[in-house]
């Protein structure tokens, strides 16, 4: 089973049709392919599965999904703000 993880795009690079995004998952940052979502922009939340951004999420949807993923133990909880 493969789990889709929500994250926030913090950077986009590459040529149109071959762009990648740096995605912030709280304690982790990873690269995701934007082949299926070429319209996303920095600051957007996306659901990433198998290294591909599969769906854009609203901020509210992303926060709910992040809480569920943290509860499931798939990613560590975000550190509280100072």
PDB file of N, CA and C in Angstrom:
ATOM      1  N   UNK A   1       0.846  -1.181   0.000  1.00  0.00           N
ATOM      2  CA  UNK A   1       0.000   0.000   0.000  1.00  0.00           C
ATOM      3  C   UNK A   1       0.887   1.237   0.000  1.00  0.00           C
ATOM      4  N   UNK A   2       0.485   2.229  -0.741  1.00  0.00           N
ATOM      5  CA  UNK A   2       1.238   3.475  -0.841  1.00  0.00           C
ATOM      6  C   UNK A   2       0.390   4.598  -0.256  1.00  0.00           C
ATOM      7  N   UNK A   3       0.975   5.372   0.616  1.00  0.00           N
ATOM      8  CA  UNK A   3       0.261   6.446   1.289  1.00  0.00           C
ATOM      9  C   UNK A   3       0.533   7.774   0.598  1.00  0.00           C
ATOM     10  N   UNK A   4      -0.516   8.528   0.301  1.00  0.00           N
ATOM     11  CA  UNK A   4      -0.362   9.869  -0.260  1.00  0.00           C
ATOM     12  C   UNK A   4      -0.153  10.839   0.890  1.00  0.00           C
ATOM     13  N   UNK A   5       0.849  11.695   0.777  1.00  0.00           N
ATOM     14  CA  UNK A   5       1.226  12.601   1.856  1.00  0.00           C
ATOM     15  C   UNK A   5       0.981  14.042   1.417  1.00  0.00           C
ATOM     16  N   UNK A   6       0.327  14.856   2.270  1.00  0.00           N
ATOM     17  CA  UNK A   6       0.126  16.269   1.940  1.00  0.00           C
ATOM     18  C   UNK A   6       1.354  17.093   2.303  1.00  0.00           C
ATOM     19  N   UNK A   7       1.624  18.109   1.480  1.00  0.00           N
ATOM     20  CA  UNK A   7       2.733  19.009   1.764  1.00  0.00           C
ATOM     21  C   UNK A   7       2.544  20.334   1.041  1.00  0.00           C
ATOM     22  N   UNK A   8       3.401  21.293   1.378  1.00  0.00           N
ATOM     23  CA  UNK A   8       3.321  22.630   0.808  1.00  0.00           C
ATOM     24  C   UNK A   8       4.498  22.850  -0.138  1.00  0.00           C
ATOM     25  N   UNK A   9       4.209  23.346  -1.335  1.00  0.00           N
ATOM     26  CA  UNK A   9       5.258  23.622  -2.317  1.00  0.00           C
ATOM     27  C   UNK A   9       6.025  24.868  -1.883  1.00  0.00           C
ATOM     28  N   UNK A  10       7.353  24.721  -1.775  1.00  0.00           N
ATOM     29  CA  UNK A  10       8.175  25.862  -1.375  1.00  0.00           C
ATOM     30  C   UNK A  10       9.094  26.342  -2.497  1.00  0.00           C
ATOM     31  N   UNK A  11       9.248  25.520  -3.551  1.00  0.00           N
ATOM     32  CA  UNK A  11      10.059  25.939  -4.705  1.00  0.00           C
ATOM     33  C   UNK A  11       9.687  25.070  -5.901  1.00  0.00           C
ATOM     34  N   UNK A  12       9.800  25.644  -7.087  1.00  0.00           N
ATOM     35  CA  UNK A  12       9.547  24.928  -8.335  1.00  0.00           C
ATOM     36  C   UNK A  12      10.728  25.163  -9.257  1.00  0.00           C
ATOM     37  N   UNK A  13      11.173  24.086  -9.918  1.00  0.00           N
ATOM     38  CA  UNK A  13      12.288  24.229 -10.858  1.00  0.00           C
ATOM     39  C   UNK A  13      12.042  23.347 -12.080  1.00  0.00           C
ATOM     40  N   UNK A  14      12.837  23.596 -13.120  1.00  0.00           N
ATOM     41  CA  UNK A  14      12.755  22.800 -14.336  1.00  0.00           C
ATOM     42  C   UNK A  14      11.963  23.491 -15.428  1.00  0.00           C
ATOM     43  N   UNK A  15      11.991  22.863 -16.576  1.00  0.00           N
ATOM     44  CA  UNK A  15      11.306  23.370 -17.760  1.00  0.00           C
ATOM     45  C   UNK A  15       9.851  22.930 -17.757  1.00  0.00           C
ATOM     46  N   UNK A  16       8.946  23.713 -18.384  1.00  0.00           N
ATOM     47  CA  UNK A  16       7.554  23.269 -18.506  1.00  0.00           C
ATOM     48  C   UNK A  16       7.479  21.856 -19.082  1.00  0.00           C
ATOM     49  N   UNK A  17       6.641  21.026 -18.490  1.00  0.00           N
ATOM     50  CA  UNK A  17       6.526  19.629 -18.897  1.00  0.00           C
ATOM     51  C   UNK A  17       7.457  18.699 -18.151  1.00  0.00           C
ATOM     52  N   UNK A  18       8.438  19.277 -17.457  1.00  0.00           N
ATOM     53  CA  UNK A  18       9.389  18.467 -16.689  1.00  0.00           C
ATOM     54  C   UNK A  18       9.719  19.156 -15.361  1.00  0.00           C
ATOM     55  N   UNK A  19       8.756  19.868 -14.816  1.00  0.00           N
ATOM     56  CA  UNK A  19       9.008  20.613 -13.580  1.00  0.00           C
ATOM     57  C   UNK A  19       8.923  19.715 -12.356  1.00  0.00           C
ATOM     58  N   UNK A  20       9.702  20.093 -11.360  1.00  0.00           N
ATOM     59  CA  UNK A  20       9.652  19.445 -10.062  1.00  0.00           C
ATOM     60  C   UNK A  20       9.440  20.516  -9.001  1.00  0.00           C
ATOM     61  N   UNK A  21       8.937  20.067  -7.855  1.00  0.00           N
ATOM     62  CA  UNK A  21       8.707  20.980  -6.741  1.00  0.00           C
ATOM     63  C   UNK A  21       9.438  20.468  -5.513  1.00  0.00           C
ATOM     64  N   UNK A  22       9.946  21.397  -4.726  1.00  0.00           N
ATOM     65  CA  UNK A  22      10.431  21.044  -3.396  1.00  0.00           C
ATOM     66  C   UNK A  22       9.215  21.173  -2.487  1.00  0.00           C
ATOM     67  N   UNK A  23       8.876  20.089  -1.798  1.00  0.00           N
ATOM     68  CA  UNK A  23       7.675  20.048  -0.983  1.00  0.00           C
ATOM     69  C   UNK A  23       8.058  19.921   0.487  1.00  0.00           C
ATOM     70  N   UNK A  24       7.465  20.783   1.301  1.00  0.00           N
ATOM     71  CA  UNK A  24       7.698  20.809   2.745  1.00  0.00           C
ATOM     72  C   UNK A  24       6.631  19.961   3.429  1.00  0.00           C
ATOM     73  N   UNK A  25       7.080  18.931   4.135  1.00  0.00           N
ATOM     74  CA  UNK A  25       6.179  18.052   4.873  1.00  0.00           C
ATOM     75  C   UNK A  25       6.298  18.275   6.381  1.00  0.00           C
ATOM     76  N   UNK A  26       6.698  19.445   6.786  1.00  0.00           N
ATOM     77  CA  UNK A  26       6.917  19.713   8.214  1.00  0.00           C
ATOM     78  C   UNK A  26       8.363  19.429   8.546  1.00  0.00           C
ATOM     79  N   UNK A  27       8.643  18.247   9.116  1.00  0.00           N
ATOM     80  CA  UNK A  27      10.033  17.956   9.471  1.00  0.00           C
ATOM     81  C   UNK A  27      10.876  17.491   8.285  1.00  0.00           C
ATOM     82  N   UNK A  28      10.251  17.222   7.142  1.00  0.00           N
ATOM     83  CA  UNK A  28      10.949  16.708   5.963  1.00  0.00           C
ATOM     84  C   UNK A  28      10.692  17.575   4.746  1.00  0.00           C
ATOM     85  N   UNK A  29      11.654  17.544   3.823  1.00  0.00           N
ATOM     86  CA  UNK A  29      11.473  18.184   2.505  1.00  0.00           C
ATOM     87  C   UNK A  29      11.913  17.191   1.459  1.00  0.00           C
ATOM     88  N   UNK A  30      11.081  17.072   0.426  1.00  0.00           N
ATOM     89  CA  UNK A  30      11.372  16.138  -0.656  1.00  0.00           C
ATOM     90  C   UNK A  30      10.992  16.760  -1.995  1.00  0.00           C
ATOM     91  N   UNK A  31      11.488  16.158  -3.068  1.00  0.00           N
ATOM     92  CA  UNK A  31      11.165  16.601  -4.414  1.00  0.00           C
ATOM     93  C   UNK A  31       9.995  15.785  -4.951  1.00  0.00           C
ATOM     94  N   UNK A  32       9.080  16.450  -5.655  1.00  0.00           N
ATOM     95  CA  UNK A  32       7.944  15.774  -6.285  1.00  0.00           C
ATOM     96  C   UNK A  32       7.835  16.226  -7.734  1.00  0.00           C
ATOM     97  N   UNK A  33       7.467  15.317  -8.604  1.00  0.00           N
ATOM     98  CA  UNK A  33       7.240  15.614 -10.007  1.00  0.00           C
ATOM     99  C   UNK A  33       5.907  16.350 -10.161  1.00  0.00           C
ATOM    100  N   UNK A  34       5.843  17.330 -11.063  1.00  0.00           N
ATOM    101  CA  UNK A  34       4.618  18.097 -11.299  1.00  0.00           C
ATOM    102  C   UNK A  34       3.962  17.757 -12.640  1.00  0.00           C
ATOM    103  N   UNK A  35       4.254  16.593 -13.159  1.00  0.00           N
ATOM    104  CA  UNK A  35       3.718  16.173 -14.452  1.00  0.00           C
ATOM    105  C   UNK A  35       2.195  16.254 -14.501  1.00  0.00           C
ATOM    106  N   UNK A  36       1.510  15.864 -13.431  1.00  0.00           N
ATOM    107  CA  UNK A  36       0.049  15.834 -13.415  1.00  0.00           C
ATOM    108  C   UNK A  36      -0.583  17.146 -12.962  1.00  0.00           C
ATOM    109  N   UNK A  37       0.208  18.042 -12.387  1.00  0.00           N
ATOM    110  CA  UNK A  37      -0.303  19.328 -11.886  1.00  0.00           C
ATOM    111  C   UNK A  37       0.605  20.477 -12.314  1.00  0.00           C
ATOM    112  N   UNK A  38       0.756  20.723 -13.611  1.00  0.00           N
ATOM    113  CA  UNK A  38       1.680  21.772 -14.043  1.00  0.00           C
ATOM    114  C   UNK A  38       1.225  23.175 -13.643  1.00  0.00           C
ATOM    115  N   UNK A  39      -0.041  23.343 -13.229  1.00  0.00           N
ATOM    116  CA  UNK A  39      -0.564  24.668 -12.883  1.00  0.00           C
ATOM    117  C   UNK A  39      -0.293  25.088 -11.442  1.00  0.00           C
ATOM    118  N   UNK A  40       0.231  24.204 -10.596  1.00  0.00           N
ATOM    119  CA  UNK A  40       0.439  24.577  -9.194  1.00  0.00           C
ATOM    120  C   UNK A  40       1.542  25.621  -9.068  1.00  0.00           C
ATOM    121  N   UNK A  41       1.500  26.350  -7.975  1.00  0.00           N
ATOM    122  CA  UNK A  41       2.450  27.435  -7.716  1.00  0.00           C
ATOM    123  C   UNK A  41       3.042  27.292  -6.317  1.00  0.00           C
ATOM    124  N   UNK A  42       4.129  28.015  -6.080  1.00  0.00           N
ATOM    125  CA  UNK A  42       4.727  28.056  -4.748  1.00  0.00           C
ATOM    126  C   UNK A  42       3.667  28.543  -3.764  1.00  0.00           C
ATOM    127  N   UNK A  43       3.570  27.845  -2.634  1.00  0.00           N
ATOM    128  CA  UNK A  43       2.574  28.173  -1.616  1.00  0.00           C
ATOM    129  C   UNK A  43       1.357  27.279  -1.660  1.00  0.00           C
ATOM    130  N   UNK A  44       1.153  26.565  -2.792  1.00  0.00           N
ATOM    131  CA  UNK A  44       0.031  25.633  -2.898  1.00  0.00           C
ATOM    132  C   UNK A  44       0.320  24.378  -2.070  1.00  0.00           C
ATOM    133  N   UNK A  45      -0.751  23.756  -1.589  1.00  0.00           N
ATOM    134  CA  UNK A  45      -0.654  22.463  -0.921  1.00  0.00           C
ATOM    135  C   UNK A  45      -1.017  21.393  -1.930  1.00  0.00           C
ATOM    136  N   UNK A  46      -0.279  20.276  -1.894  1.00  0.00           N
ATOM    137  CA  UNK A  46      -0.523  19.174  -2.815  1.00  0.00           C
ATOM    138  C   UNK A  46      -0.485  17.849  -2.059  1.00  0.00           C
ATOM    139  N   UNK A  47      -1.128  16.865  -2.652  1.00  0.00           N
ATOM    140  CA  UNK A  47      -1.086  15.496  -2.156  1.00  0.00           C
ATOM    141  C   UNK A  47      -0.098  14.754  -3.048  1.00  0.00           C
ATOM    142  N   UNK A  48       0.938  14.175  -2.456  1.00  0.00           N
ATOM    143  CA  UNK A  48       2.003  13.533  -3.222  1.00  0.00           C
ATOM    144  C   UNK A  48       1.968  12.030  -2.971  1.00  0.00           C
ATOM    145  N   UNK A  49       2.004  11.272  -4.054  1.00  0.00           N
ATOM    146  CA  UNK A  49       2.031   9.820  -3.960  1.00  0.00           C
ATOM    147  C   UNK A  49       3.069   9.294  -4.933  1.00  0.00           C
ATOM    148  N   UNK A  50       3.945   8.440  -4.442  1.00  0.00           N
ATOM    149  CA  UNK A  50       4.985   7.820  -5.266  1.00  0.00           C
ATOM    150  C   UNK A  50       5.833   8.860  -6.000  1.00  0.00           C
ATOM    151  N   UNK A  51       6.063  10.011  -5.363  1.00  0.00           N
ATOM    152  CA  UNK A  51       6.921  11.034  -5.944  1.00  0.00           C
ATOM    153  C   UNK A  51       6.250  11.976  -6.920  1.00  0.00           C
ATOM    154  N   UNK A  52       4.935  11.840  -7.114  1.00  0.00           N
ATOM    155  CA  UNK A  52       4.192  12.703  -8.030  1.00  0.00           C
ATOM    156  C   UNK A  52       3.129  13.486  -7.272  1.00  0.00           C
ATOM    157  N   UNK A  53       3.055  14.792  -7.521  1.00  0.00           N
ATOM    158  CA  UNK A  53       1.958  15.606  -6.982  1.00  0.00           C
ATOM    159  C   UNK A  53       0.711  15.190  -7.754  1.00  0.00           C
ATOM    160  N   UNK A  54      -0.291  14.674  -7.020  1.00  0.00           N
ATOM    161  CA  UNK A  54      -1.469  14.106  -7.670  1.00  0.00           C
ATOM    162  C   UNK A  54      -2.705  15.002  -7.588  1.00  0.00           C
ATOM    163  N   UNK A  55      -2.762  15.864  -6.557  1.00  0.00           N
ATOM    164  CA  UNK A  55      -3.957  16.685  -6.360  1.00  0.00           C
ATOM    165  C   UNK A  55      -3.595  17.931  -5.571  1.00  0.00           C
ATOM    166  N   UNK A  56      -4.159  19.061  -5.982  1.00  0.00           N
ATOM    167  CA  UNK A  56      -3.996  20.295  -5.211  1.00  0.00           C
ATOM    168  C   UNK A  56      -5.042  20.281  -4.094  1.00  0.00           C
ATOM    169  N   UNK A  57      -4.648  20.754  -2.908  1.00  0.00           N
ATOM    170  CA  UNK A  57      -5.538  20.806  -1.752  1.00  0.00           C
ATOM    171  C   UNK A  57      -5.717  22.239  -1.291  1.00  0.00           C
ATOM    172  N   UNK A  58      -6.884  22.541  -0.716  1.00  0.00           N
ATOM    173  CA  UNK A  58      -7.042  23.833  -0.053  1.00  0.00           C
ATOM    174  C   UNK A  58      -6.227  23.762   1.241  1.00  0.00           C
ATOM    175  N   UNK A  59      -5.960  24.907   1.838  1.00  0.00           N
ATOM    176  CA  UNK A  59      -5.195  24.919   3.079  1.00  0.00           C
ATOM    177  C   UNK A  59      -5.929  24.121   4.162  1.00  0.00           C
ATOM    178  N   UNK A  60      -7.246  24.250   4.211  1.00  0.00           N
ATOM    179  CA  UNK A  60      -8.029  23.520   5.221  1.00  0.00           C
ATOM    180  C   UNK A  60      -7.932  22.002   4.995  1.00  0.00           C
ATOM    181  N   UNK A  61      -8.087  21.563   3.733  1.00  0.00           N
ATOM    182  CA  UNK A  61      -7.965  20.136   3.421  1.00  0.00           C
ATOM    183  C   UNK A  61      -6.570  19.622   3.788  1.00  0.00           C
ATOM    184  N   UNK A  62      -5.561  20.424   3.488  1.00  0.00           N
ATOM    185  CA  UNK A  62      -4.186  20.020   3.781  1.00  0.00           C
ATOM    186  C   UNK A  62      -3.972  19.867   5.279  1.00  0.00           C
ATOM    187  N   UNK A  63      -4.451  20.821   6.076  1.00  0.00           N
ATOM    188  CA  UNK A  63      -4.269  20.734   7.530  1.00  0.00           C
ATOM    189  C   UNK A  63      -4.962  19.499   8.106  1.00  0.00           C
ATOM    190  N   UNK A  64      -6.170  19.210   7.630  1.00  0.00           N
ATOM    191  CA  UNK A  64      -6.890  18.017   8.091  1.00  0.00           C
ATOM    192  C   UNK A  64      -6.125  16.749   7.709  1.00  0.00           C
ATOM    193  N   UNK A  65      -5.633  16.694   6.470  1.00  0.00           N
ATOM    194  CA  UNK A  65      -4.895  15.524   6.003  1.00  0.00           C
ATOM    195  C   UNK A  65      -3.586  15.361   6.767  1.00  0.00           C
ATOM    196  N   UNK A  66      -2.898  16.466   7.041  1.00  0.00           N
ATOM    197  CA  UNK A  66      -1.639  16.411   7.787  1.00  0.00           C
ATOM    198  C   UNK A  66      -1.887  15.855   9.185  1.00  0.00           C
ATOM    199  N   UNK A  67      -2.958  16.292   9.841  1.00  0.00           N
ATOM    200  CA  UNK A  67      -3.286  15.767  11.168  1.00  0.00           C
ATOM    201  C   UNK A  67      -3.514  14.259  11.112  1.00  0.00           C
ATOM    202  N   UNK A  68      -4.241  13.787  10.107  1.00  0.00           N
ATOM    203  CA  UNK A  68      -4.503  12.355   9.977  1.00  0.00           C
ATOM    204  C   UNK A  68      -3.219  11.565   9.734  1.00  0.00           C
ATOM    205  N   UNK A  69      -2.341  12.088   8.889  1.00  0.00           N
ATOM    206  CA  UNK A  69      -1.080  11.405   8.593  1.00  0.00           C
ATOM    207  C   UNK A  69      -0.202  11.368   9.837  1.00  0.00           C
ATOM    208  N   UNK A  70      -0.176  12.446  10.604  1.00  0.00           N
ATOM    209  CA  UNK A  70       0.594  12.469  11.852  1.00  0.00           C
ATOM    210  C   UNK A  70       0.031  11.451  12.843  1.00  0.00           C
ATOM    211  N   UNK A  71      -1.291  11.407  12.972  1.00  0.00           N
ATOM    212  CA  UNK A  71      -1.933  10.443  13.879  1.00  0.00           C
ATOM    213  C   UNK A  71      -1.598   9.008  13.486  1.00  0.00           C
ATOM    214  N   UNK A  72      -1.531   8.755  12.187  1.00  0.00           N
ATOM    215  CA  UNK A  72      -1.209   7.419  11.705  1.00  0.00           C
ATOM    216  C   UNK A  72       0.277   7.079  11.894  1.00  0.00           C
ATOM    217  N   UNK A  73       1.084   8.090  12.223  1.00  0.00           N
ATOM    218  CA  UNK A  73       2.510   7.883  12.438  1.00  0.00           C
ATOM    219  C   UNK A  73       3.347   7.854  11.177  1.00  0.00           C
ATOM    220  N   UNK A  74       2.762   8.279  10.050  1.00  0.00           N
ATOM    221  CA  UNK A  74       3.490   8.274   8.783  1.00  0.00           C
ATOM    222  C   UNK A  74       4.534   9.378   8.711  1.00  0.00           C
ATOM    223  N   UNK A  75       4.280  10.506   9.383  1.00  0.00           N
ATOM    224  CA  UNK A  75       5.273  11.574   9.518  1.00  0.00           C
ATOM    225  C   UNK A  75       5.254  12.040  10.958  1.00  0.00           C
ATOM    226  N   UNK A  76       6.396  12.515  11.475  1.00  0.00           N
ATOM    227  CA  UNK A  76       6.410  13.010  12.841  1.00  0.00           C
ATOM    228  C   UNK A  76       5.585  14.287  12.955  1.00  0.00           C
ATOM    229  N   UNK A  77       4.963  14.524  14.121  1.00  0.00           N
ATOM    230  CA  UNK A  77       4.205  15.769  14.299  1.00  0.00           C
ATOM    231  C   UNK A  77       5.096  16.999  14.143  1.00  0.00           C
ATOM    232  N   UNK A  78       4.525  18.063  13.636  1.00  0.00           N
ATOM    233  CA  UNK A  78       5.256  19.326  13.497  1.00  0.00           C
ATOM    234  C   UNK A  78       5.599  19.858  14.877  1.00  0.00           C
ATOM    235  N   UNK A  79       6.743  20.477  14.985  1.00  0.00           N
ATOM    236  CA  UNK A  79       7.135  21.084  16.264  1.00  0.00           C
ATOM    237  C   UNK A  79       6.256  22.290  16.540  1.00  0.00           C
ATOM    238  N   UNK A  80       5.893  22.506  17.809  1.00  0.00           N
ATOM    239  CA  UNK A  80       5.077  23.699  18.124  1.00  0.00           C
ATOM    240  C   UNK A  80       5.839  24.972  17.804  1.00  0.00           C
ATOM    241  N   UNK A  81       5.105  26.004  17.393  1.00  0.00           N
ATOM    242  CA  UNK A  81       5.711  27.292  17.094  1.00  0.00           C
ATOM    243  C   UNK A  81       6.297  27.903  18.366  1.00  0.00           C
ATOM    244  N   UNK A  82       7.473  28.551  18.264  1.00  0.00           N
ATOM    245  CA  UNK A  82       8.104  29.150  19.455  1.00  0.00           C
ATOM    246  C   UNK A  82       7.315  30.335  19.994  1.00  0.00           C
TER     247      UNK A  82
END
